[in-house]
Amino acid sequence: MDIPERLPEAAPPNPYKAIEDSSEFKELRRSHRRFVFPLTVFFLLWYFAFVILGAYAHDFMAAKVWGNINVGMVFGLLQFVTTFVITALYVRYANNTMDPMTEKLRTRFAADAQESEVAR
């Protein structure tokens, strides 16, 4: 007795793939990368400059700036300041640029998901 072959069912559409393939999502990723990569490179260069100067430029880093405060201490404190500034810049960028793009994307695909639910 032959068993009839069963036709494969169509796979349900993957909403995550649809979002990933959308031009809005690609623009969101581009926007994020344009902001994050340059800041990351800047911070890493700044950080490694501090470490290298600390390791090889002892006289420079030990130079007194004011009282017992030397260049090394100032650079070390500036590392913390830089971290806070970069964080503040990112938060402002995310709030003003990325969040509106994300909300637009979320709204569009939530509407698409509702339409596909109604169609079923």
Protein backbone atom coordinates (compact mmCIF):
# COMPACT_ATOMS: atom_id res chain seq x y z
CA MET A 1 0.00 0.00 0.00
CA ASP A 2 1.41 3.31 -1.06
CA ILE A 3 1.30 6.17 1.36
CA PRO A 4 0.47 9.41 -0.42
CA GLU A 5 3.17 12.02 -0.13
CA ARG A 6 2.24 14.98 1.94
CA LEU A 7 2.92 18.40 0.56
CA PRO A 8 5.06 20.56 2.82
CA GLU A 9 3.11 23.25 4.56
CA ALA A 10 4.11 26.78 3.89
CA ALA A 11 6.26 28.07 6.71
CA PRO A 12 4.65 30.88 8.64
CA PRO A 13 6.24 34.23 7.88
CA ASN A 14 9.06 35.12 10.25
CA PRO A 15 8.28 38.61 11.61
CA TYR A 16 11.86 39.05 12.86
CA LYS A 17 13.28 38.37 9.41
CA ALA A 18 10.84 40.85 7.91
CA ILE A 19 11.99 43.50 10.38
CA GLU A 20 15.66 42.71 9.74
CA ASP A 21 15.16 42.99 6.00
CA SER A 22 13.28 46.29 6.19
CA SER A 23 14.94 49.49 5.01
CA GLU A 24 13.98 51.21 8.28
CA PHE A 25 15.88 48.64 10.35
CA LYS A 26 18.90 48.85 8.06
CA GLU A 27 18.91 52.63 8.49
CA LEU A 28 18.62 52.21 12.27
CA ARG A 29 21.65 49.91 12.29
CA ARG A 30 23.60 52.28 10.03
CA SER A 31 22.76 55.20 12.28
CA HIS A 32 23.85 53.28 15.37
CA ARG A 33 27.13 52.19 13.80
CA ARG A 34 27.92 55.70 12.50
CA PHE A 35 27.71 56.97 16.06
CA VAL A 36 29.17 54.09 18.07
CA PHE A 37 32.17 53.02 16.01
CA PRO A 38 33.94 56.42 15.87
CA LEU A 39 33.39 56.99 19.59
CA THR A 40 34.69 53.51 20.37
CA VAL A 41 37.82 54.08 18.30
CA PHE A 42 38.35 57.48 19.95
CA PHE A 43 37.98 56.07 23.45
CA LEU A 44 40.26 53.09 22.80
CA LEU A 45 42.97 55.35 21.36
CA TRP A 46 42.62 57.71 24.32
CA TYR A 47 42.71 54.81 26.80
CA PHE A 48 45.74 53.12 25.23
CA ALA A 49 47.55 56.46 25.01
CA PHE A 50 47.06 56.78 28.78
CA VAL A 51 48.33 53.25 29.41
CA ILE A 52 51.31 53.60 27.08
CA LEU A 53 52.27 56.97 28.51
CA GLY A 54 52.01 55.49 32.01
CA ALA A 55 54.27 52.61 31.02
CA TYR A 56 56.89 54.44 28.96
CA ALA A 57 56.75 58.20 29.70
CA HIS A 58 57.37 58.14 33.45
CA ASP A 59 58.90 61.62 33.57
CA PHE A 60 56.03 63.17 31.64
CA MET A 61 53.35 61.45 33.70
CA ALA A 62 55.14 62.37 36.95
CA ALA A 63 55.36 66.06 36.06
CA LYS A 64 53.65 68.15 38.73
CA VAL A 65 50.64 70.15 37.61
CA TRP A 66 49.52 71.63 40.93
CA GLY A 67 50.76 70.67 44.38
CA ASN A 68 50.97 66.86 44.58
CA ILE A 69 48.81 66.39 41.48
CA ASN A 70 50.73 65.17 38.45
CA VAL A 71 49.91 64.65 34.77
CA GLY A 72 49.21 60.93 35.35
CA MET A 73 46.53 61.71 37.91
CA VAL A 74 44.93 64.29 35.63
CA PHE A 75 44.90 61.83 32.73
CA GLY A 76 43.46 59.12 34.99
CA LEU A 77 40.65 61.38 36.14
CA LEU A 78 40.02 62.44 32.54
CA GLN A 79 39.44 58.75 31.70
CA PHE A 80 36.45 58.81 34.06
CA VAL A 81 35.24 62.13 32.71
CA THR A 82 35.51 60.81 29.15
CA THR A 83 33.46 57.75 30.08
CA PHE A 84 30.68 59.89 31.53
CA VAL A 85 30.73 62.28 28.56
CA ILE A 86 30.53 59.42 26.05
CA THR A 87 27.66 57.89 28.02
CA ALA A 88 25.78 61.20 28.08
CA LEU A 89 26.36 61.70 24.34
CA TYR A 90 25.10 58.21 23.58
CA VAL A 91 22.00 58.61 25.73
CA ARG A 92 21.17 61.92 24.04
CA TYR A 93 21.79 60.42 20.58
CA ALA A 94 19.68 57.36 21.37
CA ASN A 95 16.83 59.46 22.75
CA ASN A 96 16.81 61.97 19.90
CA THR A 97 17.72 59.82 16.90
CA MET A 98 17.45 56.10 17.50
CA ASP A 99 14.35 55.96 19.70
CA PRO A 100 12.11 57.76 17.16
CA MET A 101 13.37 55.41 14.43
CA THR A 102 12.75 52.40 16.68
CA GLU A 103 9.26 53.57 17.58
CA LYS A 104 8.40 54.05 13.91
CA LEU A 105 9.66 50.53 13.17
CA ARG A 106 7.76 49.07 16.13
CA THR A 107 4.54 50.82 15.13
CA ARG A 108 4.80 49.66 11.53
CA PHE A 109 5.43 46.03 12.36
CA ALA A 110 2.87 45.93 15.16
CA ALA A 111 0.28 47.08 12.62
CA ASP A 112 1.51 44.44 10.15
CA ALA A 113 1.26 41.76 12.86
CA GLN A 114 -2.31 42.79 13.69
CA GLU A 115 -3.28 42.66 10.01
CA SER A 116 -1.82 39.18 9.62
CA GLU A 117 -3.68 37.99 12.75
CA VAL A 118 -6.95 39.33 11.38
CA ALA A 119 -6.30 37.64 8.03
CA ARG A 120 -5.97 34.24 9.71
